[in-house]
PDB file of N, CA and C in Angstrom:
ATOM      1  N   MET A   1     -24.636 -16.517 -12.872  1.00  0.00           N
ATOM      2  CA  MET A   1     -23.931 -15.259 -12.453  1.00  0.00           C
ATOM      3  C   MET A   1     -22.534 -15.613 -12.518  1.00  0.00           C
ATOM      4  N   GLY A   2     -21.616 -14.624 -12.956  1.00  0.00           N
ATOM      5  CA  GLY A   2     -20.281 -14.799 -13.097  1.00  0.00           C
ATOM      6  C   GLY A   2     -19.509 -14.021 -11.864  1.00  0.00           C
ATOM      7  N   ALA A   3     -18.289 -14.012 -12.155  1.00  0.00           N
ATOM      8  CA  ALA A   3     -17.388 -13.278 -11.148  1.00  0.00           C
ATOM      9  C   ALA A   3     -16.237 -12.885 -11.940  1.00  0.00           C
ATOM     10  N   LEU A   4     -15.424 -11.924 -11.250  1.00  0.00           N
ATOM     11  CA  LEU A   4     -14.113 -11.577 -11.851  1.00  0.00           C
ATOM     12  C   LEU A   4     -13.005 -11.721 -10.814  1.00  0.00           C
ATOM     13  N   ILE A   5     -11.960 -12.326 -10.997  1.00  0.00           N
ATOM     14  CA  ILE A   5     -10.831 -12.615 -10.304  1.00  0.00           C
ATOM     15  C   ILE A   5      -9.653 -12.058 -10.887  1.00  0.00           C
ATOM     16  N   THR A   6      -8.937 -11.003 -10.363  1.00  0.00           N
ATOM     17  CA  THR A   6      -7.675 -10.480 -10.952  1.00  0.00           C
ATOM     18  C   THR A   6      -6.275 -11.107 -10.071  1.00  0.00           C
ATOM     19  N   ILE A   7      -5.387 -11.179 -10.695  1.00  0.00           N
ATOM     20  CA  ILE A   7      -4.031 -11.512 -10.162  1.00  0.00           C
ATOM     21  C   ILE A   7      -3.115 -10.505 -10.236  1.00  0.00           C
ATOM     22  N   ARG A   8      -1.959 -10.325  -9.482  1.00  0.00           N
ATOM     23  CA  ARG A   8      -1.101  -9.293  -9.644  1.00  0.00           C
ATOM     24  C   ARG A   8      -0.501  -9.503 -11.205  1.00  0.00           C
ATOM     25  N   ASN A   9      -0.652  -8.399 -11.781  1.00  0.00           N
ATOM     26  CA  ASN A   9      -0.410  -8.158 -13.147  1.00  0.00           C
ATOM     27  C   ASN A   9       0.033  -6.798 -13.375  1.00  0.00           C
ATOM     28  N   PHE A  10       1.385  -6.657 -13.894  1.00  0.00           N
ATOM     29  CA  PHE A  10       1.878  -5.457 -14.145  1.00  0.00           C
ATOM     30  C   PHE A  10       1.204  -4.522 -15.323  1.00  0.00           C
ATOM     31  N   LEU A  11       0.525  -5.342 -16.166  1.00  0.00           N
ATOM     32  CA  LEU A  11      -0.233  -4.876 -17.381  1.00  0.00           C
ATOM     33  C   LEU A  11      -1.582  -4.143 -16.812  1.00  0.00           C
ATOM     34  N   LEU A  12      -2.182  -4.854 -15.745  1.00  0.00           N
ATOM     35  CA  LEU A  12      -3.429  -4.276 -15.520  1.00  0.00           C
ATOM     36  C   LEU A  12      -3.319  -3.255 -14.205  1.00  0.00           C
ATOM     37  N   ASN A  13      -2.246  -3.290 -13.495  1.00  0.00           N
ATOM     38  CA  ASN A  13      -2.118  -2.394 -12.362  1.00  0.00           C
ATOM     39  C   ASN A  13      -2.283  -1.044 -12.571  1.00  0.00           C
ATOM     40  N   ARG A  14      -2.399  -0.328 -13.916  1.00  0.00           N
ATOM     41  CA  ARG A  14      -2.437   0.953 -14.273  1.00  0.00           C
ATOM     42  C   ARG A  14      -4.101   1.207 -14.310  1.00  0.00           C
ATOM     43  N   TYR A  15      -4.932   0.045 -14.215  1.00  0.00           N
ATOM     44  CA  TYR A  15      -6.491   0.190 -14.743  1.00  0.00           C
ATOM     45  C   TYR A  15      -7.159  -0.170 -13.635  1.00  0.00           C
ATOM     46  N   GLU A  16      -6.871  -0.218 -12.349  1.00  0.00           N
ATOM     47  CA  GLU A  16      -7.691  -0.606 -11.257  1.00  0.00           C
ATOM     48  C   GLU A  16      -9.165  -0.110 -11.284  1.00  0.00           C
ATOM     49  N   LYS A  17      -9.094   1.387 -11.499  1.00  0.00           N
ATOM     50  CA  LYS A  17     -10.527   2.010 -11.608  1.00  0.00           C
ATOM     51  C   LYS A  17     -11.416   1.396 -12.899  1.00  0.00           C
ATOM     52  N   GLN A  18     -10.651   1.147 -13.967  1.00  0.00           N
ATOM     53  CA  GLN A  18     -11.571   0.876 -15.264  1.00  0.00           C
ATOM     54  C   GLN A  18     -12.057  -0.609 -14.949  1.00  0.00           C
ATOM     55  N   VAL A  19     -11.169  -1.501 -14.287  1.00  0.00           N
ATOM     56  CA  VAL A  19     -11.536  -2.855 -13.987  1.00  0.00           C
ATOM     57  C   VAL A  19     -12.659  -2.876 -12.930  1.00  0.00           C
ATOM     58  N   ALA A  20     -12.551  -1.977 -12.005  1.00  0.00           N
ATOM     59  CA  ALA A  20     -13.423  -1.997 -11.028  1.00  0.00           C
ATOM     60  C   ALA A  20     -15.007  -1.480 -11.515  1.00  0.00           C
ATOM     61  N   ASN A  21     -14.900  -0.438 -12.378  1.00  0.00           N
ATOM     62  CA  ASN A  21     -16.084   0.028 -13.033  1.00  0.00           C
ATOM     63  C   ASN A  21     -16.800  -0.800 -13.833  1.00  0.00           C
ATOM     64  N   LEU A  22     -15.944  -1.716 -14.675  1.00  0.00           N
ATOM     65  CA  LEU A  22     -16.546  -2.666 -15.544  1.00  0.00           C
ATOM     66  C   LEU A  22     -17.336  -3.714 -14.830  1.00  0.00           C
ATOM     67  N   ALA A  23     -16.596  -3.997 -13.589  1.00  0.00           N
ATOM     68  CA  ALA A  23     -17.227  -5.143 -12.825  1.00  0.00           C
ATOM     69  C   ALA A  23     -18.532  -4.848 -12.272  1.00  0.00           C
ATOM     70  N   ILE A  24     -18.549  -3.574 -11.772  1.00  0.00           N
ATOM     71  CA  ILE A  24     -19.758  -2.903 -11.223  1.00  0.00           C
ATOM     72  C   ILE A  24     -20.729  -2.732 -12.235  1.00  0.00           C
ATOM     73  N   LYS A  25     -20.340  -2.221 -13.319  1.00  0.00           N
ATOM     74  CA  LYS A  25     -21.452  -2.133 -14.472  1.00  0.00           C
ATOM     75  C   LYS A  25     -22.014  -3.322 -14.879  1.00  0.00           C
ATOM     76  N   HIS A  26     -21.311  -4.550 -14.882  1.00  0.00           N
ATOM     77  CA  HIS A  26     -21.912  -5.781 -15.102  1.00  0.00           C
ATOM     78  C   HIS A  26     -22.264  -6.628 -13.914  1.00  0.00           C
ATOM     79  N   ARG A  27     -22.390  -5.847 -12.837  1.00  0.00           N
ATOM     80  CA  ARG A  27     -22.806  -6.335 -11.539  1.00  0.00           C
ATOM     81  C   ARG A  27     -22.040  -7.841 -11.174  1.00  0.00           C
ATOM     82  N   LEU A  28     -20.507  -7.866 -11.373  1.00  0.00           N
ATOM     83  CA  LEU A  28     -19.931  -8.958 -11.070  1.00  0.00           C
ATOM     84  C   LEU A  28     -19.132  -8.760  -9.763  1.00  0.00           C
ATOM     85  N   PRO A  29     -19.304  -9.674  -8.913  1.00  0.00           N
ATOM     86  CA  PRO A  29     -18.517  -9.691  -7.701  1.00  0.00           C
ATOM     87  C   PRO A  29     -17.116  -9.908  -8.123  1.00  0.00           C
ATOM     88  N   SER A  30     -16.278  -9.075  -7.573  1.00  0.00           N
ATOM     89  CA  SER A  30     -14.694  -9.232  -7.949  1.00  0.00           C
ATOM     90  C   SER A  30     -13.768  -9.360  -6.890  1.00  0.00           C
ATOM     91  N   MET A  31     -12.791 -10.283  -7.015  1.00  0.00           N
ATOM     92  CA  MET A  31     -11.908 -10.618  -5.866  1.00  0.00           C
ATOM     93  C   MET A  31     -10.539 -10.214  -6.483  1.00  0.00           C
ATOM     94  N   HIS A  32      -9.580  -9.710  -5.758  1.00  0.00           N
ATOM     95  CA  HIS A  32      -8.414  -9.079  -6.170  1.00  0.00           C
ATOM     96  C   HIS A  32      -7.234  -9.300  -5.145  1.00  0.00           C
ATOM     97  N   GLU A  33      -5.814  -9.575  -5.919  1.00  0.00           N
ATOM     98  CA  GLU A  33      -4.821  -9.610  -4.906  1.00  0.00           C
ATOM     99  C   GLU A  33      -4.251  -8.430  -4.371  1.00  0.00           C
ATOM    100  N   ARG A  34      -4.754  -7.203  -4.968  1.00  0.00           N
ATOM    101  CA  ARG A  34      -4.224  -6.064  -4.431  1.00  0.00           C
ATOM    102  C   ARG A  34      -5.280  -5.101  -3.860  1.00  0.00           C
ATOM    103  N   ILE A  35      -4.868  -4.315  -2.800  1.00  0.00           N
ATOM    104  CA  ILE A  35      -5.991  -3.719  -2.147  1.00  0.00           C
ATOM    105  C   ILE A  35      -6.210  -2.570  -3.074  1.00  0.00           C
ATOM    106  N   ASP A  36      -5.371  -1.919  -3.988  1.00  0.00           N
ATOM    107  CA  ASP A  36      -5.623  -0.871  -4.766  1.00  0.00           C
ATOM    108  C   ASP A  36      -7.139  -1.043  -5.655  1.00  0.00           C
ATOM    109  N   TYR A  37      -7.265  -2.253  -5.959  1.00  0.00           N
ATOM    110  CA  TYR A  37      -8.598  -2.514  -6.710  1.00  0.00           C
ATOM    111  C   TYR A  37      -9.741  -2.176  -5.755  1.00  0.00           C
ATOM    112  N   VAL A  38      -9.656  -2.773  -4.449  1.00  0.00           N
ATOM    113  CA  VAL A  38     -10.858  -2.276  -3.611  1.00  0.00           C
ATOM    114  C   VAL A  38     -11.060  -0.937  -3.355  1.00  0.00           C
ATOM    115  N   GLN A  39      -9.846  -0.131  -3.219  1.00  0.00           N
ATOM    116  CA  GLN A  39     -10.008   1.144  -3.059  1.00  0.00           C
ATOM    117  C   GLN A  39     -10.486   1.859  -4.221  1.00  0.00           C
ATOM    118  N   ALA A  40     -10.235   1.387  -5.395  1.00  0.00           N
ATOM    119  CA  ALA A  40     -10.910   1.961  -6.679  1.00  0.00           C
ATOM    120  C   ALA A  40     -12.238   1.415  -7.094  1.00  0.00           C
ATOM    121  N   GLY A  41     -12.861   0.527  -6.180  1.00  0.00           N
ATOM    122  CA  GLY A  41     -14.332   0.052  -6.377  1.00  0.00           C
ATOM    123  C   GLY A  41     -14.455  -1.274  -6.519  1.00  0.00           C
ATOM    124  N   GLY A  42     -13.346  -2.057  -6.466  1.00  0.00           N
ATOM    125  CA  GLY A  42     -13.404  -3.582  -6.428  1.00  0.00           C
ATOM    126  C   GLY A  42     -14.152  -4.081  -5.358  1.00  0.00           C
ATOM    127  N   LEU A  43     -14.842  -5.399  -5.349  1.00  0.00           N
ATOM    128  CA  LEU A  43     -15.433  -5.770  -4.128  1.00  0.00           C
ATOM    129  C   LEU A  43     -14.778  -6.258  -2.999  1.00  0.00           C
ATOM    130  N   MET A  44     -13.651  -6.991  -3.361  1.00  0.00           N
ATOM    131  CA  MET A  44     -12.879  -7.549  -2.196  1.00  0.00           C
ATOM    132  C   MET A  44     -11.410  -7.865  -2.547  1.00  0.00           C
ATOM    133  N   SER A  45     -10.630  -8.110  -1.530  1.00  0.00           N
ATOM    134  CA  SER A  45      -9.133  -8.336  -1.826  1.00  0.00           C
ATOM    135  C   SER A  45      -8.785  -9.345  -0.609  1.00  0.00           C
ATOM    136  N   TYR A  46      -7.992 -10.324  -1.128  1.00  0.00           N
ATOM    137  CA  TYR A  46      -7.382 -11.149   0.086  1.00  0.00           C
ATOM    138  C   TYR A  46      -5.956 -11.157  -0.192  1.00  0.00           C
ATOM    139  N   LEU A  47      -5.136 -10.606   0.650  1.00  0.00           N
ATOM    140  CA  LEU A  47      -3.513 -10.609   0.191  1.00  0.00           C
ATOM    141  C   LEU A  47      -2.700 -10.584   1.291  1.00  0.00           C
ATOM    142  N   THR A  48      -1.514 -11.021   1.191  1.00  0.00           N
ATOM    143  CA  THR A  48      -0.407 -11.139   2.335  1.00  0.00           C
ATOM    144  C   THR A  48       0.253  -9.877   2.632  1.00  0.00           C
ATOM    145  N   ASP A  49       0.916  -9.867   3.839  1.00  0.00           N
ATOM    146  CA  ASP A  49       1.576  -8.716   4.253  1.00  0.00           C
ATOM    147  C   ASP A  49       2.986  -8.883   3.691  1.00  0.00           C
ATOM    148  N   ASP A  50       3.056  -8.557   2.461  1.00  0.00           N
ATOM    149  CA  ASP A  50       4.470  -8.682   1.613  1.00  0.00           C
ATOM    150  C   ASP A  50       5.376  -7.681   2.459  1.00  0.00           C
ATOM    151  N   ALA A  51       5.011  -6.535   2.835  1.00  0.00           N
ATOM    152  CA  ALA A  51       5.989  -5.566   3.308  1.00  0.00           C
ATOM    153  C   ALA A  51       6.573  -6.133   4.562  1.00  0.00           C
ATOM    154  N   GLY A  52       5.709  -6.892   5.567  1.00  0.00           N
ATOM    155  CA  GLY A  52       6.392  -7.424   6.734  1.00  0.00           C
ATOM    156  C   GLY A  52       7.433  -8.485   6.454  1.00  0.00           C
ATOM    157  N   ASN A  53       7.107  -9.219   5.261  1.00  0.00           N
ATOM    158  CA  ASN A  53       8.081 -10.383   4.779  1.00  0.00           C
ATOM    159  C   ASN A  53       9.462  -9.581   4.276  1.00  0.00           C
ATOM    160  N   TYR A  54       9.214  -8.595   3.570  1.00  0.00           N
ATOM    161  CA  TYR A  54      10.468  -7.866   2.936  1.00  0.00           C
ATOM    162  C   TYR A  54      11.244  -7.403   3.956  1.00  0.00           C
ATOM    163  N   GLN A  55      10.612  -6.687   5.030  1.00  0.00           N
ATOM    164  CA  GLN A  55      11.291  -6.077   6.201  1.00  0.00           C
ATOM    165  C   GLN A  55      12.166  -7.104   6.879  1.00  0.00           C
ATOM    166  N   ARG A  56      11.671  -8.274   7.106  1.00  0.00           N
ATOM    167  CA  ARG A  56      12.100  -9.228   7.955  1.00  0.00           C
ATOM    168  C   ARG A  56      13.482  -9.770   7.139  1.00  0.00           C
ATOM    169  N   TYR A  57      13.399  -9.956   5.784  1.00  0.00           N
ATOM    170  CA  TYR A  57      14.331 -10.515   4.869  1.00  0.00           C
ATOM    171  C   TYR A  57      15.565  -9.236   5.120  1.00  0.00           C
ATOM    172  N   ALA A  58      15.258  -7.977   4.747  1.00  0.00           N
ATOM    173  CA  ALA A  58      15.956  -6.874   4.601  1.00  0.00           C
ATOM    174  C   ALA A  58      16.760  -6.610   6.123  1.00  0.00           C
ATOM    175  N   HIS A  59      16.183  -6.799   7.192  1.00  0.00           N
ATOM    176  CA  HIS A  59      16.823  -6.744   8.542  1.00  0.00           C
ATOM    177  C   HIS A  59      17.819  -7.942   8.585  1.00  0.00           C
ATOM    178  N   ARG A  60      17.401  -9.121   8.267  1.00  0.00           N
ATOM    179  CA  ARG A  60      18.661 -10.295   8.397  1.00  0.00           C
ATOM    180  C   ARG A  60      19.699  -9.787   7.373  1.00  0.00           C
ATOM    181  N   ILE A  61      19.492  -9.545   6.124  1.00  0.00           N
ATOM    182  CA  ILE A  61      20.494  -9.175   5.270  1.00  0.00           C
ATOM    183  C   ILE A  61      21.525  -8.056   5.912  1.00  0.00           C
ATOM    184  N   LEU A  62      20.887  -7.040   6.470  1.00  0.00           N
ATOM    185  CA  LEU A  62      21.519  -5.826   6.840  1.00  0.00           C
ATOM    186  C   LEU A  62      22.522  -6.231   8.185  1.00  0.00           C
ATOM    187  N   LYS A  63      21.855  -7.379   8.868  1.00  0.00           N
ATOM    188  CA  LYS A  63      22.802  -7.905   9.915  1.00  0.00           C
ATOM    189  C   LYS A  63      23.881  -8.612   9.629  1.00  0.00           C
ATOM    190  N   GLY A  64      24.056  -8.876   8.392  1.00  0.00           N
ATOM    191  CA  GLY A  64      25.012  -9.864   7.740  1.00  0.00           C
ATOM    192  C   GLY A  64      24.661 -11.161   7.194  1.00  0.00           C
ATOM    193  N   THR A  65      23.612 -11.575   7.366  1.00  0.00           N
ATOM    194  CA  THR A  65      23.132 -12.997   6.864  1.00  0.00           C
ATOM    195  C   THR A  65      23.082 -12.967   5.357  1.00  0.00           C
ATOM    196  N   ASN A  66      23.840 -14.042   4.877  1.00  0.00           N
ATOM    197  CA  ASN A  66      23.976 -14.169   3.486  1.00  0.00           C
ATOM    198  C   ASN A  66      22.668 -14.314   2.739  1.00  0.00           C
ATOM    199  N   PRO A  67      22.191 -13.755   1.947  1.00  0.00           N
ATOM    200  CA  PRO A  67      20.752 -14.055   1.322  1.00  0.00           C
ATOM    201  C   PRO A  67      20.534 -15.519   0.849  1.00  0.00           C
ATOM    202  N   ALA A  68      21.677 -16.187   0.366  1.00  0.00           N
ATOM    203  CA  ALA A  68      21.418 -17.700  -0.113  1.00  0.00           C
ATOM    204  C   ALA A  68      21.167 -18.476   1.252  1.00  0.00           C
ATOM    205  N   ASP A  69      21.540 -17.924   2.307  1.00  0.00           N
ATOM    206  CA  ASP A  69      21.158 -18.738   3.551  1.00  0.00           C
ATOM    207  C   ASP A  69      19.783 -18.471   4.280  1.00  0.00           C
ATOM    208  N   LEU A  70      19.108 -17.604   3.714  1.00  0.00           N
ATOM    209  CA  LEU A  70      17.782 -17.329   4.158  1.00  0.00           C
ATOM    210  C   LEU A  70      16.678 -18.300   3.751  1.00  0.00           C
ATOM    211  N   PRO A  71      16.024 -18.791   4.753  1.00  0.00           N
ATOM    212  CA  PRO A  71      14.850 -19.856   4.266  1.00  0.00           C
ATOM    213  C   PRO A  71      13.901 -19.074   3.537  1.00  0.00           C
ATOM    214  N   ILE A  72      13.085 -19.929   2.793  1.00  0.00           N
ATOM    215  CA  ILE A  72      11.793 -19.412   1.932  1.00  0.00           C
ATOM    216  C   ILE A  72      10.847 -19.428   3.134  1.00  0.00           C
ATOM    217  N   GLU A  73      10.036 -18.481   3.320  1.00  0.00           N
ATOM    218  CA  GLU A  73       9.048 -18.377   4.514  1.00  0.00           C
ATOM    219  C   GLU A  73       7.715 -18.344   3.968  1.00  0.00           C
ATOM    220  N   GLN A  74       6.837 -19.019   4.393  1.00  0.00           N
ATOM    221  CA  GLN A  74       5.293 -18.842   3.817  1.00  0.00           C
ATOM    222  C   GLN A  74       4.700 -17.623   4.765  1.00  0.00           C
ATOM    223  N   PRO A  75       3.923 -17.023   4.143  1.00  0.00           N
ATOM    224  CA  PRO A  75       3.085 -16.032   4.715  1.00  0.00           C
ATOM    225  C   PRO A  75       2.481 -16.329   5.900  1.00  0.00           C
ATOM    226  N   THR A  76       2.453 -15.390   6.998  1.00  0.00           N
ATOM    227  CA  THR A  76       1.679 -15.688   8.018  1.00  0.00           C
ATOM    228  C   THR A  76       0.671 -14.842   8.593  1.00  0.00           C
ATOM    229  N   LYS A  77       0.635 -13.719   7.753  1.00  0.00           N
ATOM    230  CA  LYS A  77      -0.479 -12.714   7.972  1.00  0.00           C
ATOM    231  C   LYS A  77      -1.220 -12.326   6.542  1.00  0.00           C
ATOM    232  N   PHE A  78      -2.309 -12.411   6.792  1.00  0.00           N
ATOM    233  CA  PHE A  78      -3.182 -12.179   5.588  1.00  0.00           C
ATOM    234  C   PHE A  78      -4.236 -11.007   5.879  1.00  0.00           C
ATOM    235  N   GLU A  79      -4.831 -10.427   4.951  1.00  0.00           N
ATOM    236  CA  GLU A  79      -5.643  -9.190   4.937  1.00  0.00           C
ATOM    237  C   GLU A  79      -6.788  -9.375   4.111  1.00  0.00           C
ATOM    238  N   PHE A  80      -8.085  -9.465   4.726  1.00  0.00           N
ATOM    239  CA  PHE A  80      -9.224  -9.532   3.999  1.00  0.00           C
ATOM    240  C   PHE A  80      -9.960  -8.380   3.893  1.00  0.00           C
ATOM    241  N   VAL A  81     -10.172  -7.665   2.678  1.00  0.00           N
ATOM    242  CA  VAL A  81     -10.948  -6.321   2.718  1.00  0.00           C
ATOM    243  C   VAL A  81     -12.164  -6.382   1.833  1.00  0.00           C
ATOM    244  N   ILE A  82     -13.137  -5.865   2.395  1.00  0.00           N
ATOM    245  CA  ILE A  82     -14.421  -5.928   1.622  1.00  0.00           C
ATOM    246  C   ILE A  82     -14.927  -4.306   1.358  1.00  0.00           C
ATOM    247  N   ASN A  83     -15.387  -4.012   0.171  1.00  0.00           N
ATOM    248  CA  ASN A  83     -15.760  -2.732  -0.063  1.00  0.00           C
ATOM    249  C   ASN A  83     -17.142  -2.807   0.080  1.00  0.00           C
ATOM    250  N   LEU A  84     -17.923  -2.415   1.077  1.00  0.00           N
ATOM    251  CA  LEU A  84     -19.408  -2.365   1.281  1.00  0.00           C
ATOM    252  C   LEU A  84     -20.197  -1.602   0.194  1.00  0.00           C
ATOM    253  N   LYS A  85     -19.688  -0.523   0.136  1.00  0.00           N
ATOM    254  CA  LYS A  85     -20.414   0.374  -0.988  1.00  0.00           C
ATOM    255  C   LYS A  85     -20.513  -0.295  -2.353  1.00  0.00           C
ATOM    256  N   THR A  86     -19.515  -1.123  -2.717  1.00  0.00           N
ATOM    257  CA  THR A  86     -19.575  -1.883  -4.129  1.00  0.00           C
ATOM    258  C   THR A  86     -20.596  -2.990  -3.670  1.00  0.00           C
ATOM    259  N   ALA A  87     -20.463  -3.751  -2.769  1.00  0.00           N
ATOM    260  CA  ALA A  87     -21.442  -4.791  -2.467  1.00  0.00           C
ATOM    261  C   ALA A  87     -23.001  -4.294  -2.531  1.00  0.00           C
ATOM    262  N   LYS A  88     -23.196  -3.172  -2.000  1.00  0.00           N
ATOM    263  CA  LYS A  88     -24.667  -2.747  -2.085  1.00  0.00           C
ATOM    264  C   LYS A  88     -24.816  -2.311  -3.551  1.00  0.00           C
ATOM    265  N   GLN A  89     -23.929  -1.834  -4.396  1.00  0.00           N
ATOM    266  CA  GLN A  89     -24.089  -1.354  -5.681  1.00  0.00           C
ATOM    267  C   GLN A  89     -24.293  -2.541  -6.707  1.00  0.00           C
ATOM    268  N   ILE A  90     -23.711  -3.681  -6.358  1.00  0.00           N
ATOM    269  CA  ILE A  90     -24.070  -4.761  -7.217  1.00  0.00           C
ATOM    270  C   ILE A  90     -24.933  -5.746  -6.753  1.00  0.00           C
ATOM    271  N   GLY A  91     -25.522  -5.550  -5.547  1.00  0.00           N
ATOM    272  CA  GLY A  91     -26.565  -6.259  -4.952  1.00  0.00           C
ATOM    273  C   GLY A  91     -26.065  -7.716  -4.305  1.00  0.00           C
ATOM    274  N   VAL A  92     -24.812  -7.436  -3.691  1.00  0.00           N
ATOM    275  CA  VAL A  92     -24.344  -8.661  -2.840  1.00  0.00           C
ATOM    276  C   VAL A  92     -24.520  -8.396  -1.454  1.00  0.00           C
ATOM    277  N   THR A  93     -25.054  -9.364  -0.684  1.00  0.00           N
ATOM    278  CA  THR A  93     -25.131  -9.198   0.891  1.00  0.00           C
ATOM    279  C   THR A  93     -24.106  -9.989   1.501  1.00  0.00           C
ATOM    280  N   ILE A  94     -23.328  -9.177   2.078  1.00  0.00           N
ATOM    281  CA  ILE A  94     -22.084  -9.915   2.772  1.00  0.00           C
ATOM    282  C   ILE A  94     -22.644 -10.438   4.334  1.00  0.00           C
ATOM    283  N   PRO A  95     -22.393 -11.777   4.534  1.00  0.00           N
ATOM    284  CA  PRO A  95     -23.004 -12.197   5.595  1.00  0.00           C
ATOM    285  C   PRO A  95     -22.369 -11.574   6.979  1.00  0.00           C
ATOM    286  N   THR A  96     -23.021 -11.311   7.971  1.00  0.00           N
ATOM    287  CA  THR A  96     -22.836 -10.815   9.254  1.00  0.00           C
ATOM    288  C   THR A  96     -21.407 -11.370   9.824  1.00  0.00           C
ATOM    289  N   ASN A  97     -21.442 -12.682   9.754  1.00  0.00           N
ATOM    290  CA  ASN A  97     -20.298 -13.387  10.463  1.00  0.00           C
ATOM    291  C   ASN A  97     -18.991 -13.139   9.545  1.00  0.00           C
ATOM    292  N   VAL A  98     -19.075 -12.647   8.176  1.00  0.00           N
ATOM    293  CA  VAL A  98     -17.860 -12.298   7.714  1.00  0.00           C
ATOM    294  C   VAL A  98     -17.378 -10.816   8.139  1.00  0.00           C
ATOM    295  N   LEU A  99     -18.480  -9.928   8.180  1.00  0.00           N
ATOM    296  CA  LEU A  99     -18.200  -8.665   8.565  1.00  0.00           C
ATOM    297  C   LEU A  99     -17.605  -8.542  10.055  1.00  0.00           C
TER     298      LEU A  99
END
């Protein structure tokens, strides 16, 4: 059994639906870095809260902090999303402790 993993890639971003459909057609579990793929039919995504990070940086800069003085921060909030419809279509059972 194989699997499909996609990473953020501006070339693929226009083809979420096609990528998801191919994974379903070939019954491949798929993991994505963008929720758009799950909404298009991909199995799951695990991503960071980039919007929150950007907002914190923008807030500090607008308050007068020099961008060069801002520390690099590791993400602290993550989101794990599973498409149960796709799981059923490809025959994957998601354990109840994950749900």
